[in-house]
Amino acid sequence: TLVAVEEGLAHLKTKPMMIAWGAKDFCFTPAFLDQWKSFFPDAQIEYLETCGHYVLEDGGPELHGKICGFLRDTPGA
């Protein structure tokens, strides 16, 4: 299943993308982020030092603003 998911990621390569990543995630380490960067080199990366696994919760208003800005300013997002 995981191999099929990884192979399917190529379908997203041409899409506008913002990746919000929590630096304190206990599960997804920086090595995972490096792999995502290789899959999606044009993605906007928001590396959030104070966030953990639940990056959307932990990011609060700061992350909410970044997501809204990305959606507002990125054609096709």
PDB file of N, CA and C in Angstrom:
ATOM      1  N   THR A   1       0.827  -1.197   0.000  1.00  0.00           N
ATOM      2  CA  THR A   1       0.000   0.000   0.000  1.00  0.00           C
ATOM      3  C   THR A   1       0.868   1.256   0.000  1.00  0.00           C
ATOM      4  N   LEU A   2       1.898   1.262   0.831  1.00  0.00           N
ATOM      5  CA  LEU A   2       2.759   2.449   0.897  1.00  0.00           C
ATOM      6  C   LEU A   2       3.501   2.679  -0.414  1.00  0.00           C
ATOM      7  N   VAL A   3       3.906   1.629  -1.076  1.00  0.00           N
ATOM      8  CA  VAL A   3       4.580   1.765  -2.372  1.00  0.00           C
ATOM      9  C   VAL A   3       3.618   2.378  -3.386  1.00  0.00           C
ATOM     10  N   ALA A   4       2.378   1.933  -3.384  1.00  0.00           N
ATOM     11  CA  ALA A   4       1.384   2.486  -4.314  1.00  0.00           C
ATOM     12  C   ALA A   4       1.140   3.965  -4.036  1.00  0.00           C
ATOM     13  N   VAL A   5       1.094   4.331  -2.772  1.00  0.00           N
ATOM     14  CA  VAL A   5       0.922   5.742  -2.413  1.00  0.00           C
ATOM     15  C   VAL A   5       2.120   6.549  -2.912  1.00  0.00           C
ATOM     16  N   GLU A   6       3.321   6.067  -2.653  1.00  0.00           N
ATOM     17  CA  GLU A   6       4.523   6.772  -3.095  1.00  0.00           C
ATOM     18  C   GLU A   6       4.546   6.928  -4.615  1.00  0.00           C
ATOM     19  N   GLU A   7       4.185   5.882  -5.335  1.00  0.00           N
ATOM     20  CA  GLU A   7       4.165   5.955  -6.798  1.00  0.00           C
ATOM     21  C   GLU A   7       3.113   6.954  -7.284  1.00  0.00           C
ATOM     22  N   GLY A   8       2.026   7.085  -6.566  1.00  0.00           N
ATOM     23  CA  GLY A   8       0.968   8.015  -6.941  1.00  0.00           C
ATOM     24  C   GLY A   8       1.318   9.472  -6.702  1.00  0.00           C
ATOM     25  N   LEU A   9       2.324   9.735  -5.893  1.00  0.00           N
ATOM     26  CA  LEU A   9       2.712  11.118  -5.610  1.00  0.00           C
ATOM     27  C   LEU A   9       3.124  11.876  -6.870  1.00  0.00           C
ATOM     28  N   ALA A  10       3.613  11.172  -7.854  1.00  0.00           N
ATOM     29  CA  ALA A  10       4.038  11.816  -9.101  1.00  0.00           C
ATOM     30  C   ALA A  10       2.891  12.574  -9.763  1.00  0.00           C
ATOM     31  N   HIS A  11       1.666  12.143  -9.526  1.00  0.00           N
ATOM     32  CA  HIS A  11       0.504  12.815 -10.113  1.00  0.00           C
ATOM     33  C   HIS A  11       0.302  14.219  -9.535  1.00  0.00           C
ATOM     34  N   LEU A  12       0.891  14.476  -8.393  1.00  0.00           N
ATOM     35  CA  LEU A  12       0.732  15.777  -7.735  1.00  0.00           C
ATOM     36  C   LEU A  12       1.866  16.751  -8.036  1.00  0.00           C
ATOM     37  N   LYS A  13       2.887  16.278  -8.719  1.00  0.00           N
ATOM     38  CA  LYS A  13       4.104  17.063  -8.929  1.00  0.00           C
ATOM     39  C   LYS A  13       3.864  18.411  -9.603  1.00  0.00           C
ATOM     40  N   THR A  14       2.878  18.507 -10.460  1.00  0.00           N
ATOM     41  CA  THR A  14       2.642  19.755 -11.200  1.00  0.00           C
ATOM     42  C   THR A  14       1.653  20.678 -10.491  1.00  0.00           C
ATOM     43  N   LYS A  15       1.150  20.270  -9.349  1.00  0.00           N
ATOM     44  CA  LYS A  15       0.165  21.069  -8.620  1.00  0.00           C
ATOM     45  C   LYS A  15       0.854  22.067  -7.698  1.00  0.00           C
ATOM     46  N   PRO A  16       0.268  23.252  -7.530  1.00  0.00           N
ATOM     47  CA  PRO A  16       0.809  24.183  -6.532  1.00  0.00           C
ATOM     48  C   PRO A  16       0.710  23.534  -5.158  1.00  0.00           C
ATOM     49  N   MET A  17       1.729  23.706  -4.345  1.00  0.00           N
ATOM     50  CA  MET A  17       1.755  22.980  -3.088  1.00  0.00           C
ATOM     51  C   MET A  17       2.475  23.765  -2.004  1.00  0.00           C
ATOM     52  N   MET A  18       1.880  23.748  -0.833  1.00  0.00           N
ATOM     53  CA  MET A  18       2.533  24.257   0.367  1.00  0.00           C
ATOM     54  C   MET A  18       2.589  23.098   1.351  1.00  0.00           C
ATOM     55  N   ILE A  19       3.758  22.849   1.890  1.00  0.00           N
ATOM     56  CA  ILE A  19       3.935  21.778   2.872  1.00  0.00           C
ATOM     57  C   ILE A  19       4.249  22.430   4.213  1.00  0.00           C
ATOM     58  N   ALA A  20       3.382  22.211   5.186  1.00  0.00           N
ATOM     59  CA  ALA A  20       3.620  22.692   6.543  1.00  0.00           C
ATOM     60  C   ALA A  20       4.201  21.541   7.351  1.00  0.00           C
ATOM     61  N   TRP A  21       5.380  21.751   7.924  1.00  0.00           N
ATOM     62  CA  TRP A  21       6.095  20.664   8.598  1.00  0.00           C
ATOM     63  C   TRP A  21       6.448  21.072  10.014  1.00  0.00           C
ATOM     64  N   GLY A  22       6.064  20.248  10.964  1.00  0.00           N
ATOM     65  CA  GLY A  22       6.390  20.511  12.360  1.00  0.00           C
ATOM     66  C   GLY A  22       7.735  19.920  12.735  1.00  0.00           C
ATOM     67  N   ALA A  23       8.636  20.767  13.205  1.00  0.00           N
ATOM     68  CA  ALA A  23       9.992  20.331  13.553  1.00  0.00           C
ATOM     69  C   ALA A  23      10.013  19.357  14.727  1.00  0.00           C
ATOM     70  N   LYS A  24       8.997  19.422  15.576  1.00  0.00           N
ATOM     71  CA  LYS A  24       8.967  18.563  16.761  1.00  0.00           C
ATOM     72  C   LYS A  24       8.111  17.305  16.563  1.00  0.00           C
ATOM     73  N   ASP A  25       7.846  16.941  15.332  1.00  0.00           N
ATOM     74  CA  ASP A  25       7.037  15.749  15.050  1.00  0.00           C
ATOM     75  C   ASP A  25       7.779  14.512  15.527  1.00  0.00           C
ATOM     76  N   PHE A  26       7.114  13.696  16.336  1.00  0.00           N
ATOM     77  CA  PHE A  26       7.727  12.475  16.863  1.00  0.00           C
ATOM     78  C   PHE A  26       7.758  11.354  15.832  1.00  0.00           C
ATOM     79  N   CYS A  27       6.970  11.486  14.787  1.00  0.00           N
ATOM     80  CA  CYS A  27       6.809  10.412  13.815  1.00  0.00           C
ATOM     81  C   CYS A  27       7.548  10.703  12.503  1.00  0.00           C
ATOM     82  N   PHE A  28       7.311  11.871  11.954  1.00  0.00           N
ATOM     83  CA  PHE A  28       7.896  12.245  10.661  1.00  0.00           C
ATOM     84  C   PHE A  28       9.121  13.124  10.890  1.00  0.00           C
ATOM     85  N   THR A  29      10.264  12.523  10.743  1.00  0.00           N
ATOM     86  CA  THR A  29      11.552  13.168  11.029  1.00  0.00           C
ATOM     87  C   THR A  29      11.978  14.064   9.863  1.00  0.00           C
ATOM     88  N   PRO A  30      13.039  14.846  10.049  1.00  0.00           N
ATOM     89  CA  PRO A  30      13.545  15.661   8.940  1.00  0.00           C
ATOM     90  C   PRO A  30      13.910  14.846   7.697  1.00  0.00           C
ATOM     91  N   ALA A  31      14.253  13.584   7.857  1.00  0.00           N
ATOM     92  CA  ALA A  31      14.559  12.740   6.692  1.00  0.00           C
ATOM     93  C   ALA A  31      13.327  12.579   5.803  1.00  0.00           C
ATOM     94  N   PHE A  32      12.150  12.496   6.417  1.00  0.00           N
ATOM     95  CA  PHE A  32      10.918  12.434   5.631  1.00  0.00           C
ATOM     96  C   PHE A  32      10.716  13.733   4.850  1.00  0.00           C
ATOM     97  N   LEU A  33      10.983  14.862   5.503  1.00  0.00           N
ATOM     98  CA  LEU A  33      10.838  16.147   4.811  1.00  0.00           C
ATOM     99  C   LEU A  33      11.797  16.227   3.634  1.00  0.00           C
ATOM    100  N   ASP A  34      13.010  15.761   3.801  1.00  0.00           N
ATOM    101  CA  ASP A  34      13.967  15.754   2.687  1.00  0.00           C
ATOM    102  C   ASP A  34      13.424  14.939   1.516  1.00  0.00           C
ATOM    103  N   GLN A  35      12.784  13.827   1.823  1.00  0.00           N
ATOM    104  CA  GLN A  35      12.212  12.998   0.762  1.00  0.00           C
ATOM    105  C   GLN A  35      11.060  13.733   0.074  1.00  0.00           C
ATOM    106  N   TRP A  36      10.216  14.410   0.848  1.00  0.00           N
ATOM    107  CA  TRP A  36       9.123  15.186   0.254  1.00  0.00           C
ATOM    108  C   TRP A  36       9.667  16.305  -0.626  1.00  0.00           C
ATOM    109  N   LYS A  37      10.758  16.930  -0.174  1.00  0.00           N
ATOM    110  CA  LYS A  37      11.371  17.982  -0.993  1.00  0.00           C
ATOM    111  C   LYS A  37      11.871  17.413  -2.318  1.00  0.00           C
ATOM    112  N   SER A  38      12.353  16.190  -2.310  1.00  0.00           N
ATOM    113  CA  SER A  38      12.816  15.590  -3.567  1.00  0.00           C
ATOM    114  C   SER A  38      11.630  15.233  -4.464  1.00  0.00           C
ATOM    115  N   PHE A  39      10.506  14.840  -3.874  1.00  0.00           N
ATOM    116  CA  PHE A  39       9.299  14.557  -4.659  1.00  0.00           C
ATOM    117  C   PHE A  39       8.707  15.845  -5.239  1.00  0.00           C
ATOM    118  N   PHE A  40       8.734  16.907  -4.434  1.00  0.00           N
ATOM    119  CA  PHE A  40       8.065  18.161  -4.794  1.00  0.00           C
ATOM    120  C   PHE A  40       9.021  19.347  -4.643  1.00  0.00           C
ATOM    121  N   PRO A  41       9.989  19.470  -5.547  1.00  0.00           N
ATOM    122  CA  PRO A  41      11.011  20.515  -5.406  1.00  0.00           C
ATOM    123  C   PRO A  41      10.468  21.939  -5.517  1.00  0.00           C
ATOM    124  N   ASP A  42       9.307  22.124  -6.108  1.00  0.00           N
ATOM    125  CA  ASP A  42       8.747  23.468  -6.255  1.00  0.00           C
ATOM    126  C   ASP A  42       7.786  23.839  -5.132  1.00  0.00           C
ATOM    127  N   ALA A  43       7.581  22.945  -4.185  1.00  0.00           N
ATOM    128  CA  ALA A  43       6.640  23.211  -3.094  1.00  0.00           C
ATOM    129  C   ALA A  43       7.159  24.323  -2.188  1.00  0.00           C
ATOM    130  N   GLN A  44       6.234  25.109  -1.694  1.00  0.00           N
ATOM    131  CA  GLN A  44       6.555  26.093  -0.660  1.00  0.00           C
ATOM    132  C   GLN A  44       6.597  25.342   0.659  1.00  0.00           C
ATOM    133  N   ILE A  45       7.719  25.400   1.352  1.00  0.00           N
ATOM    134  CA  ILE A  45       7.874  24.682   2.615  1.00  0.00           C
ATOM    135  C   ILE A  45       7.748  25.663   3.771  1.00  0.00           C
ATOM    136  N   GLU A  46       6.861  25.347   4.699  1.00  0.00           N
ATOM    137  CA  GLU A  46       6.742  26.106   5.940  1.00  0.00           C
ATOM    138  C   GLU A  46       7.221  25.182   7.052  1.00  0.00           C
ATOM    139  N   TYR A  47       8.450  25.407   7.496  1.00  0.00           N
ATOM    140  CA  TYR A  47       9.055  24.585   8.543  1.00  0.00           C
ATOM    141  C   TYR A  47       8.823  25.287   9.871  1.00  0.00           C
ATOM    142  N   LEU A  48       7.990  24.699  10.698  1.00  0.00           N
ATOM    143  CA  LEU A  48       7.542  25.346  11.920  1.00  0.00           C
ATOM    144  C   LEU A  48       8.252  24.745  13.128  1.00  0.00           C
ATOM    145  N   GLU A  49       9.188  25.496  13.683  1.00  0.00           N
ATOM    146  CA  GLU A  49      10.054  25.026  14.769  1.00  0.00           C
ATOM    147  C   GLU A  49       9.296  24.600  16.016  1.00  0.00           C
ATOM    148  N   THR A  50       8.177  25.248  16.314  1.00  0.00           N
ATOM    149  CA  THR A  50       7.476  24.980  17.573  1.00  0.00           C
ATOM    150  C   THR A  50       6.352  23.963  17.425  1.00  0.00           C
ATOM    151  N   CYS A  51       6.137  23.451  16.243  1.00  0.00           N
ATOM    152  CA  CYS A  51       5.014  22.536  15.999  1.00  0.00           C
ATOM    153  C   CYS A  51       5.463  21.083  16.017  1.00  0.00           C
ATOM    154  N   GLY A  52       4.513  20.227  16.392  1.00  0.00           N
ATOM    155  CA  GLY A  52       4.764  18.801  16.399  1.00  0.00           C
ATOM    156  C   GLY A  52       3.958  18.091  15.325  1.00  0.00           C
ATOM    157  N   HIS A  53       3.506  16.892  15.651  1.00  0.00           N
ATOM    158  CA  HIS A  53       2.798  16.038  14.699  1.00  0.00           C
ATOM    159  C   HIS A  53       1.481  16.662  14.232  1.00  0.00           C
ATOM    160  N   TYR A  54       0.799  17.351  15.126  1.00  0.00           N
ATOM    161  CA  TYR A  54      -0.478  17.980  14.790  1.00  0.00           C
ATOM    162  C   TYR A  54      -0.231  19.424  14.365  1.00  0.00           C
ATOM    163  N   VAL A  55       0.464  19.560  13.247  1.00  0.00           N
ATOM    164  CA  VAL A  55       0.951  20.858  12.807  1.00  0.00           C
ATOM    165  C   VAL A  55      -0.183  21.864  12.586  1.00  0.00           C
ATOM    166  N   LEU A  56      -1.326  21.410  12.126  1.00  0.00           N
ATOM    167  CA  LEU A  56      -2.443  22.341  11.901  1.00  0.00           C
ATOM    168  C   LEU A  56      -2.975  22.889  13.220  1.00  0.00           C
ATOM    169  N   GLU A  57      -2.992  22.070  14.249  1.00  0.00           N
ATOM    170  CA  GLU A  57      -3.401  22.543  15.566  1.00  0.00           C
ATOM    171  C   GLU A  57      -2.313  23.404  16.185  1.00  0.00           C
ATOM    172  N   ASP A  58      -1.094  22.910  16.161  1.00  0.00           N
ATOM    173  CA  ASP A  58       0.015  23.600  16.818  1.00  0.00           C
ATOM    174  C   ASP A  58       0.348  24.931  16.154  1.00  0.00           C
ATOM    175  N   GLY A  59       0.140  25.011  14.842  1.00  0.00           N
ATOM    176  CA  GLY A  59       0.520  26.218  14.098  1.00  0.00           C
ATOM    177  C   GLY A  59      -0.366  27.405  14.365  1.00  0.00           C
ATOM    178  N   GLY A  60      -1.576  27.156  14.809  1.00  0.00           N
ATOM    179  CA  GLY A  60      -2.492  28.223  15.196  1.00  0.00           C
ATOM    180  C   GLY A  60      -2.668  29.305  14.155  1.00  0.00           C
ATOM    181  N   PRO A  61      -2.906  30.532  14.613  1.00  0.00           N
ATOM    182  CA  PRO A  61      -3.170  31.651  13.704  1.00  0.00           C
ATOM    183  C   PRO A  61      -2.023  31.924  12.722  1.00  0.00           C
ATOM    184  N   GLU A  62      -0.773  31.686  13.148  1.00  0.00           N
ATOM    185  CA  GLU A  62       0.360  31.930  12.249  1.00  0.00           C
ATOM    186  C   GLU A  62       0.275  31.031  11.012  1.00  0.00           C
ATOM    187  N   LEU A  63       0.041  29.757  11.237  1.00  0.00           N
ATOM    188  CA  LEU A  63      -0.056  28.830  10.111  1.00  0.00           C
ATOM    189  C   LEU A  63      -1.324  29.095   9.306  1.00  0.00           C
ATOM    190  N   HIS A  64      -2.403  29.407   9.977  1.00  0.00           N
ATOM    191  CA  HIS A  64      -3.650  29.730   9.286  1.00  0.00           C
ATOM    192  C   HIS A  64      -3.423  30.877   8.307  1.00  0.00           C
ATOM    193  N   GLY A  65      -2.705  31.901   8.749  1.00  0.00           N
ATOM    194  CA  GLY A  65      -2.401  33.037   7.876  1.00  0.00           C
ATOM    195  C   GLY A  65      -1.545  32.633   6.688  1.00  0.00           C
ATOM    196  N   LYS A  66      -0.586  31.756   6.907  1.00  0.00           N
ATOM    197  CA  LYS A  66       0.275  31.307   5.809  1.00  0.00           C
ATOM    198  C   LYS A  66      -0.519  30.500   4.786  1.00  0.00           C
ATOM    199  N   ILE A  67      -1.413  29.652   5.266  1.00  0.00           N
ATOM    200  CA  ILE A  67      -2.246  28.857   4.360  1.00  0.00           C
ATOM    201  C   ILE A  67      -3.161  29.770   3.559  1.00  0.00           C
ATOM    202  N   CYS A  68      -3.799  30.713   4.235  1.00  0.00           N
ATOM    203  CA  CYS A  68      -4.694  31.654   3.529  1.00  0.00           C
ATOM    204  C   CYS A  68      -3.917  32.464   2.496  1.00  0.00           C
ATOM    205  N   GLY A  69      -2.727  32.908   2.856  1.00  0.00           N
ATOM    206  CA  GLY A  69      -1.893  33.657   1.913  1.00  0.00           C
ATOM    207  C   GLY A  69      -1.504  32.815   0.708  1.00  0.00           C
ATOM    208  N   PHE A  70      -1.143  31.569   0.941  1.00  0.00           N
ATOM    209  CA  PHE A  70      -0.792  30.674  -0.155  1.00  0.00           C
ATOM    210  C   PHE A  70      -1.980  30.496  -1.100  1.00  0.00           C
ATOM    211  N   LEU A  71      -3.144  30.243  -0.533  1.00  0.00           N
ATOM    212  CA  LEU A  71      -4.346  30.037  -1.363  1.00  0.00           C
ATOM    213  C   LEU A  71      -4.725  31.311  -2.118  1.00  0.00           C
ATOM    214  N   ARG A  72      -4.545  32.443  -1.488  1.00  0.00           N
ATOM    215  CA  ARG A  72      -4.891  33.718  -2.112  1.00  0.00           C
ATOM    216  C   ARG A  72      -3.908  34.090  -3.227  1.00  0.00           C
ATOM    217  N   ASP A  73      -2.631  33.842  -3.008  1.00  0.00           N
ATOM    218  CA  ASP A  73      -1.588  34.346  -3.903  1.00  0.00           C
ATOM    219  C   ASP A  73      -1.085  33.347  -4.933  1.00  0.00           C
ATOM    220  N   THR A  74      -1.540  32.109  -4.878  1.00  0.00           N
ATOM    221  CA  THR A  74      -1.032  31.071  -5.774  1.00  0.00           C
ATOM    222  C   THR A  74      -2.077  30.698  -6.811  1.00  0.00           C
ATOM    223  N   PRO A  75      -1.828  31.035  -8.073  1.00  0.00           N
ATOM    224  CA  PRO A  75      -2.773  30.627  -9.118  1.00  0.00           C
ATOM    225  C   PRO A  75      -2.928  29.114  -9.154  1.00  0.00           C
ATOM    226  N   GLY A  76      -4.145  28.667  -9.229  1.00  0.00           N
ATOM    227  CA  GLY A  76      -4.413  27.244  -9.327  1.00  0.00           C
ATOM    228  C   GLY A  76      -4.469  26.512  -8.020  1.00  0.00           C
ATOM    229  N   ALA A  77      -4.217  27.222  -6.917  1.00  0.00           N
ATOM    230  CA  ALA A  77      -4.230  26.563  -5.602  1.00  0.00           C
ATOM    231  C   ALA A  77      -5.656  26.390  -5.116  1.00  0.00           C
TER     232      ALA A  77
END
